[in-house]
N, C-alpha and C. Protein backbone atom coordinates (compact mmCIF):
# COMPACT_ATOMS: atom_id res chain seq x y z
N ALA A 1 -13.69 -80.91 71.13
CA ALA A 1 -14.65 -79.69 71.41
C ALA A 1 -15.41 -79.12 71.70
N GLY A 2 -16.08 -80.85 72.50
CA GLY A 2 -16.84 -79.93 73.88
C GLY A 2 -16.29 -79.19 75.05
N VAL A 3 -14.98 -80.62 75.29
CA VAL A 3 -14.36 -80.72 76.22
C VAL A 3 -14.17 -78.73 76.23
N VAL A 4 -13.44 -78.34 75.04
CA VAL A 4 -13.02 -76.45 74.63
C VAL A 4 -13.93 -76.04 75.18
N SER A 5 -15.14 -75.92 74.61
CA SER A 5 -16.11 -75.46 74.57
C SER A 5 -16.53 -75.23 75.95
N PHE A 6 -17.08 -76.04 77.19
CA PHE A 6 -17.49 -75.96 77.94
C PHE A 6 -16.93 -75.45 78.72
N TYR A 7 -14.72 -75.27 78.77
CA TYR A 7 -14.02 -74.44 79.15
C TYR A 7 -14.35 -72.99 78.77
N PHE A 8 -14.36 -72.80 77.70
CA PHE A 8 -14.24 -71.33 77.62
C PHE A 8 -16.00 -70.11 78.08
N ALA A 9 -16.42 -71.64 77.99
CA ALA A 9 -17.95 -71.00 78.78
C ALA A 9 -17.89 -70.82 79.91
N SER A 10 -17.50 -72.16 80.59
CA SER A 10 -16.96 -71.95 82.15
C SER A 10 -15.94 -70.18 83.25
N LEU A 11 -15.09 -70.06 82.19
CA LEU A 11 -14.32 -68.59 82.05
C LEU A 11 -15.49 -67.73 81.59
N LEU A 12 -16.28 -67.76 80.63
CA LEU A 12 -16.87 -66.19 80.64
C LEU A 12 -17.83 -65.82 81.55
N THR A 13 -18.63 -66.98 81.68
CA THR A 13 -18.87 -67.07 83.28
C THR A 13 -18.74 -67.14 84.17
N PHE A 14 -18.11 -67.26 85.14
CA PHE A 14 -17.29 -67.25 86.23
C PHE A 14 -16.71 -65.58 86.09
N GLY A 15 -16.52 -65.28 84.62
CA GLY A 15 -15.92 -63.65 84.75
C GLY A 15 -17.06 -62.67 84.77
N ILE A 16 -18.10 -63.20 84.38
CA ILE A 16 -19.29 -61.98 84.57
C ILE A 16 -20.15 -62.07 85.70
N SER A 17 -20.12 -63.61 86.29
CA SER A 17 -20.26 -63.40 87.49
C SER A 17 -19.05 -62.66 88.23
N VAL A 18 -18.14 -62.98 88.19
CA VAL A 18 -17.21 -61.59 89.66
C VAL A 18 -17.95 -60.50 89.03
N MET A 19 -17.37 -60.21 87.54
CA MET A 19 -18.32 -58.52 87.84
C MET A 19 -19.17 -58.64 88.18
N TYR A 20 -20.58 -58.88 88.17
CA TYR A 20 -21.52 -58.35 88.25
C TYR A 20 -21.74 -58.14 90.34
N HIS A 21 -21.03 -59.15 90.78
CA HIS A 21 -20.90 -58.93 92.19
C HIS A 21 -20.05 -57.61 92.67
N TRP A 22 -18.68 -57.33 91.99
CA TRP A 22 -17.98 -56.78 92.19
C TRP A 22 -18.65 -55.31 92.18
N ARG A 23 -19.50 -55.44 90.94
CA ARG A 23 -20.28 -54.39 90.94
C ARG A 23 -22.07 -53.86 91.54
N GLN A 24 -21.88 -54.89 92.54
CA GLN A 24 -23.11 -54.60 93.24
C GLN A 24 -23.55 -52.85 93.99
N SER A 25 -22.40 -52.60 94.21
CA SER A 25 -22.64 -50.93 95.05
C SER A 25 -22.83 -50.20 93.51
N GLY A 26 -22.94 -50.16 92.95
CA GLY A 26 -23.52 -49.95 91.42
C GLY A 26 -24.68 -48.73 91.56
N LYS A 27 -24.80 -48.27 90.26
CA LYS A 27 -26.30 -47.95 89.69
C LYS A 27 -27.23 -48.88 89.37
N GLU A 28 -28.45 -48.68 89.77
CA GLU A 28 -29.29 -49.88 90.17
C GLU A 28 -29.90 -50.35 88.56
N ARG A 29 -29.44 -49.43 87.61
CA ARG A 29 -30.06 -49.98 86.25
C ARG A 29 -27.64 -50.24 85.91
N GLU A 30 -27.01 -50.30 85.85
CA GLU A 30 -25.93 -51.35 86.21
C GLU A 30 -25.94 -52.63 86.66
N VAL A 31 -26.68 -52.64 87.66
CA VAL A 31 -26.26 -53.65 87.97
C VAL A 31 -27.34 -54.03 87.58
N LYS A 32 -28.34 -54.75 86.94
CA LYS A 32 -29.43 -55.16 86.67
C LYS A 32 -29.39 -55.41 85.18
N CYS A 33 -28.42 -54.70 84.42
CA CYS A 33 -27.58 -55.40 82.79
C CYS A 33 -26.84 -56.62 83.71
N TRP A 34 -25.96 -56.28 84.46
CA TRP A 34 -25.03 -57.30 85.23
C TRP A 34 -26.16 -58.33 85.34
N LEU A 35 -26.42 -58.85 85.89
CA LEU A 35 -27.10 -60.23 86.74
C LEU A 35 -27.98 -60.52 85.62
N CYS A 36 -28.75 -59.72 84.30
CA CYS A 36 -28.79 -60.01 82.75
C CYS A 36 -27.83 -61.35 82.32
N LEU A 37 -26.87 -60.22 82.24
CA LEU A 37 -25.50 -61.23 81.87
C LEU A 37 -25.18 -62.65 82.45
N ASP A 38 -25.63 -62.16 84.12
CA ASP A 38 -24.60 -63.08 84.80
C ASP A 38 -26.12 -64.35 85.09
N ILE A 39 -27.25 -64.08 84.60
CA ILE A 39 -27.70 -65.30 84.35
C ILE A 39 -27.65 -65.41 82.50
N SER A 40 -27.79 -64.94 82.26
CA SER A 40 -27.65 -65.23 80.37
C SER A 40 -26.11 -66.11 80.44
N CYS A 41 -25.35 -65.78 80.96
CA CYS A 41 -24.45 -67.35 80.51
C CYS A 41 -23.82 -67.82 81.77
N CYS A 42 -24.93 -67.65 82.86
CA CYS A 42 -25.29 -69.02 83.60
C CYS A 42 -26.01 -70.36 83.12
N ALA A 43 -27.36 -69.36 81.99
CA ALA A 43 -27.51 -70.34 81.00
C ALA A 43 -27.03 -71.00 79.98
N LEU A 44 -26.57 -70.39 79.23
CA LEU A 44 -25.01 -71.06 78.51
C LEU A 44 -24.48 -71.97 79.18
N LEU A 45 -24.36 -71.88 80.28
CA LEU A 45 -22.78 -72.23 80.62
C LEU A 45 -23.66 -73.89 80.70
N LEU A 46 -25.03 -73.82 81.40
CA LEU A 46 -25.82 -75.00 81.57
C LEU A 46 -25.90 -75.86 79.83
N LEU A 47 -26.59 -75.21 79.22
CA LEU A 47 -26.65 -75.66 77.67
C LEU A 47 -25.33 -76.79 77.64
N VAL A 48 -23.99 -75.53 77.79
CA VAL A 48 -23.03 -76.32 77.33
C VAL A 48 -22.41 -77.48 77.64
N GLY A 49 -22.23 -76.81 78.77
CA GLY A 49 -22.01 -79.24 79.57
C GLY A 49 -23.34 -79.52 78.99
N PHE A 50 -24.36 -79.59 79.15
CA PHE A 50 -25.19 -80.63 78.52
C PHE A 50 -25.26 -81.20 77.36
N ILE A 51 -24.73 -80.44 76.34
CA ILE A 51 -24.42 -80.36 74.93
C ILE A 51 -22.92 -81.14 75.16
N ALA A 52 -22.34 -80.52 75.90
CA ALA A 52 -20.70 -80.56 75.85
C ALA A 52 -20.20 -82.50 76.38
N GLY A 53 -21.25 -82.59 77.55
CA GLY A 53 -21.50 -84.19 78.22
C GLY A 53 -22.01 -85.34 77.76
N VAL A 54 -23.16 -84.91 77.17
CA VAL A 54 -24.02 -85.94 76.95
C VAL A 54 -23.57 -86.50 75.72
N PRO A 55 -23.82 -86.47 74.59
CA PRO A 55 -22.85 -87.49 73.36
C PRO A 55 -21.32 -88.21 73.86
N MET A 56 -20.69 -87.70 74.94
CA MET A 56 -19.01 -88.21 75.46
C MET A 56 -19.91 -89.40 76.34
N GLY A 57 -20.65 -88.57 77.43
CA GLY A 57 -21.25 -90.25 78.08
C GLY A 57 -22.07 -90.96 77.72
N PHE A 58 -23.10 -90.85 76.62
CA PHE A 58 -23.61 -91.85 76.68
C PHE A 58 -23.40 -91.99 74.59
N HIS A 59 -22.53 -92.00 73.87
CA HIS A 59 -22.08 -92.88 72.90
C HIS A 59 -22.10 -93.79 72.55
N CYS A 60 -22.63 -94.90 73.63
CA CYS A 60 -22.65 -95.79 73.37
C CYS A 60 -24.02 -96.14 73.06
N HIS A 61 -25.20 -95.18 73.37
CA HIS A 61 -26.75 -95.41 74.03
C HIS A 61 -26.83 -94.41 72.98
N PRO A 62 -27.55 -94.26 71.38
CA PRO A 62 -27.60 -93.31 70.84
C PRO A 62 -28.86 -92.48 71.41
N GLU A 63 -30.41 -94.21 71.07
CA GLU A 63 -31.38 -93.40 71.96
C GLU A 63 -31.62 -92.61 73.46
N LEU A 64 -30.38 -92.79 73.84
CA LEU A 64 -29.74 -91.91 75.17
C LEU A 64 -29.62 -90.85 75.38
N GLN A 65 -29.07 -90.54 74.34
CA GLN A 65 -28.32 -88.95 73.77
C GLN A 65 -29.91 -88.15 72.75
N LYS A 66 -30.62 -89.02 71.90
CA LYS A 66 -31.38 -87.86 71.95
C LYS A 66 -32.72 -87.72 73.34
N GLY A 67 -32.63 -88.74 73.56
CA GLY A 67 -33.18 -88.03 74.92
C GLY A 67 -32.77 -87.00 76.40
N TYR A 68 -31.57 -86.98 76.74
CA TYR A 68 -31.12 -86.06 77.20
C TYR A 68 -30.33 -84.91 76.69
N MET A 69 -30.51 -84.71 74.33
CA MET A 69 -30.24 -83.60 75.06
C MET A 69 -31.72 -82.90 74.36
N LEU A 70 -32.63 -83.58 74.52
CA LEU A 70 -34.00 -83.16 74.43
C LEU A 70 -33.89 -82.65 75.47
N GLN A 71 -34.24 -83.22 76.57
CA GLN A 71 -34.20 -82.94 78.01
C GLN A 71 -33.26 -81.15 77.94
N ALA A 72 -32.08 -81.33 77.28
CA ALA A 72 -31.20 -79.80 77.63
C ALA A 72 -32.01 -78.97 76.65
N ILE A 73 -32.09 -79.36 75.78
CA ILE A 73 -33.26 -78.24 74.92
C ILE A 73 -34.42 -77.62 75.65
N THR A 74 -34.88 -77.96 76.30
CA THR A 74 -36.15 -78.00 77.51
C THR A 74 -36.14 -77.01 78.29
N VAL A 75 -34.66 -77.58 78.86
CA VAL A 75 -34.54 -76.94 80.04
C VAL A 75 -34.09 -74.89 79.59
N ALA A 76 -33.22 -75.11 78.28
CA ALA A 76 -32.47 -74.16 78.19
C ALA A 76 -33.30 -73.30 77.61
N LEU A 77 -34.34 -73.59 76.77
CA LEU A 77 -36.59 -73.02 76.70
C LEU A 77 -37.06 -72.58 77.53
N ALA A 78 -36.77 -73.58 78.70
CA ALA A 78 -37.78 -73.40 79.68
C ALA A 78 -36.67 -71.78 80.45
N ALA A 79 -35.18 -71.92 80.77
CA ALA A 79 -34.62 -70.71 81.39
C ALA A 79 -34.60 -69.04 80.52
N LEU A 80 -34.89 -69.51 78.80
CA LEU A 80 -34.81 -68.10 78.00
C LEU A 80 -36.33 -68.22 78.76
N GLY A 81 -37.26 -68.75 78.15
CA GLY A 81 -39.21 -67.96 78.72
C GLY A 81 -39.04 -67.47 79.44
N ALA A 82 -38.70 -67.65 80.63
CA ALA A 82 -38.93 -67.49 82.04
C ALA A 82 -38.06 -66.28 82.25
N PHE A 83 -36.32 -66.13 81.72
CA PHE A 83 -36.32 -65.07 81.48
C PHE A 83 -36.83 -63.92 80.50
N VAL A 84 -37.36 -64.43 79.33
CA VAL A 84 -37.65 -63.13 78.82
C VAL A 84 -39.41 -62.70 79.46
N SER A 85 -39.88 -63.70 80.45
CA SER A 85 -41.16 -63.32 80.96
C SER A 85 -41.20 -62.29 81.94
N GLU A 86 -40.06 -61.91 82.67
CA GLU A 86 -39.99 -61.14 84.14
C GLU A 86 -39.67 -60.03 83.59
N SER A 87 -40.51 -59.47 84.18
CA SER A 87 -40.40 -57.64 84.65
C SER A 87 -39.29 -57.53 85.07
N HIS A 88 -39.37 -55.77 84.65
CA HIS A 88 -38.29 -55.49 85.18
C HIS A 88 -37.69 -55.52 86.57
N ALA A 89 -39.34 -55.29 87.44
CA ALA A 89 -39.01 -55.17 88.56
C ALA A 89 -38.43 -56.62 89.30
N THR A 90 -38.79 -57.41 88.89
CA THR A 90 -39.03 -59.11 89.11
C THR A 90 -37.62 -59.84 88.30
N ARG A 91 -36.94 -58.70 88.00
CA ARG A 91 -36.14 -59.81 86.82
C ARG A 91 -34.85 -60.35 88.13
N GLY A 92 -34.34 -61.61 87.28
CA GLY A 92 -33.74 -62.83 88.14
C GLY A 92 -34.62 -63.65 88.33
N HIS A 93 -35.65 -63.03 89.60
CA HIS A 93 -36.48 -64.32 90.47
C HIS A 93 -36.46 -65.79 89.39
N ARG A 94 -37.61 -65.49 88.63
CA ARG A 94 -38.08 -67.21 88.26
C ARG A 94 -37.04 -67.26 87.42
N SER A 95 -36.04 -66.75 86.91
CA SER A 95 -35.12 -67.20 85.65
C SER A 95 -34.20 -68.03 87.09
N SER A 96 -33.50 -67.59 87.96
CA SER A 96 -32.90 -67.69 88.61
C SER A 96 -33.75 -69.19 89.20
N HIS A 97 -34.13 -69.10 89.28
CA HIS A 97 -34.74 -70.85 90.04
C HIS A 97 -35.14 -71.64 89.17
N THR A 98 -35.51 -71.39 87.99
CA THR A 98 -35.93 -71.90 86.31
C THR A 98 -34.10 -72.41 86.16
N LEU A 99 -33.43 -71.63 86.22
CA LEU A 99 -31.71 -72.56 86.32
C LEU A 99 -31.33 -73.47 87.36
N ILE A 100 -31.67 -72.95 88.73
CA ILE A 100 -31.46 -74.34 89.24
C ILE A 100 -31.97 -75.04 89.08
N LEU A 101 -33.11 -74.96 89.46
CA LEU A 101 -33.89 -76.70 89.20
C LEU A 101 -33.09 -77.32 87.76
N GLY A 102 -33.24 -76.52 86.49
CA GLY A 102 -32.38 -76.94 85.56
C GLY A 102 -31.29 -77.86 85.83
N GLY A 103 -30.10 -76.94 86.21
CA GLY A 103 -28.58 -77.51 87.29
C GLY A 103 -29.05 -78.63 88.10
N ILE A 104 -30.09 -79.60 88.77
CA ILE A 104 -30.61 -80.31 89.19
C ILE A 104 -30.58 -81.31 88.41
N SER A 105 -31.98 -80.71 86.95
CA SER A 105 -32.10 -82.05 86.53
C SER A 105 -30.63 -82.58 85.61
N ALA A 106 -29.34 -81.88 85.80
CA ALA A 106 -28.53 -82.41 85.15
C ALA A 106 -28.02 -83.80 86.03
N LEU A 107 -28.29 -84.00 86.72
CA LEU A 107 -28.02 -84.99 88.28
C LEU A 107 -28.68 -86.09 87.76
N TRP A 108 -29.88 -85.96 86.81
CA TRP A 108 -30.11 -87.62 85.97
C TRP A 108 -29.44 -88.66 85.62
N PRO A 109 -28.89 -87.39 83.72
CA PRO A 109 -28.04 -88.42 83.37
C PRO A 109 -26.62 -88.64 83.90
N ALA A 110 -26.77 -87.69 84.65
CA ALA A 110 -24.98 -87.81 85.35
C ALA A 110 -24.93 -89.16 86.34
N LEU A 111 -25.79 -89.62 87.05
CA LEU A 111 -26.29 -90.48 88.04
C LEU A 111 -27.00 -91.50 86.85
N HIS A 112 -27.68 -91.96 85.70
CA HIS A 112 -27.58 -92.70 85.14
C HIS A 112 -26.47 -93.56 83.85
N TRP A 113 -25.32 -92.01 83.82
CA TRP A 113 -24.22 -92.47 82.86
C TRP A 113 -23.79 -93.34 84.18
N LEU A 114 -24.09 -93.69 85.53
CA LEU A 114 -22.86 -94.07 86.63
C LEU A 114 -23.37 -95.20 86.67
N VAL A 115 -24.98 -95.54 86.52
CA VAL A 115 -25.72 -96.63 86.67
C VAL A 115 -24.65 -97.74 85.32
N LEU A 116 -24.95 -96.82 84.24
CA LEU A 116 -24.46 -97.32 82.70
C LEU A 116 -22.88 -98.23 82.90
N SER A 117 -22.52 -97.20 83.97
CA SER A 117 -20.64 -97.54 83.12
C SER A 117 -20.34 -98.41 83.88
N THR A 118 -21.00 -99.12 85.74
CA THR A 118 -20.32 -99.92 86.54
C THR A 118 -20.73 -100.77 86.30
């Protein structure tokens, strides 16, 4: 179920992202709406990736599962908080940086899994 949900979240994210970039020359209000959808889908993909990957990667280590799931929820809430706190003029600036840092934070569980699996 985790892999399938990640697959569908990826399709949704890439589809919305294509539409956002395709509509760059549209009306300003329309572009901002597509930007909001694009950022929201990126946050969704980041969260689904954690939620799908952590239980599979750390099935023998329940304490690590809980810690990394807490990390995933924290990153998702931080991205949501950054997105909600932005004004219409600065939409996408803080939340984009938060999503990038959230994506980078996914490297720690991945590297940890590599160490444990060798």
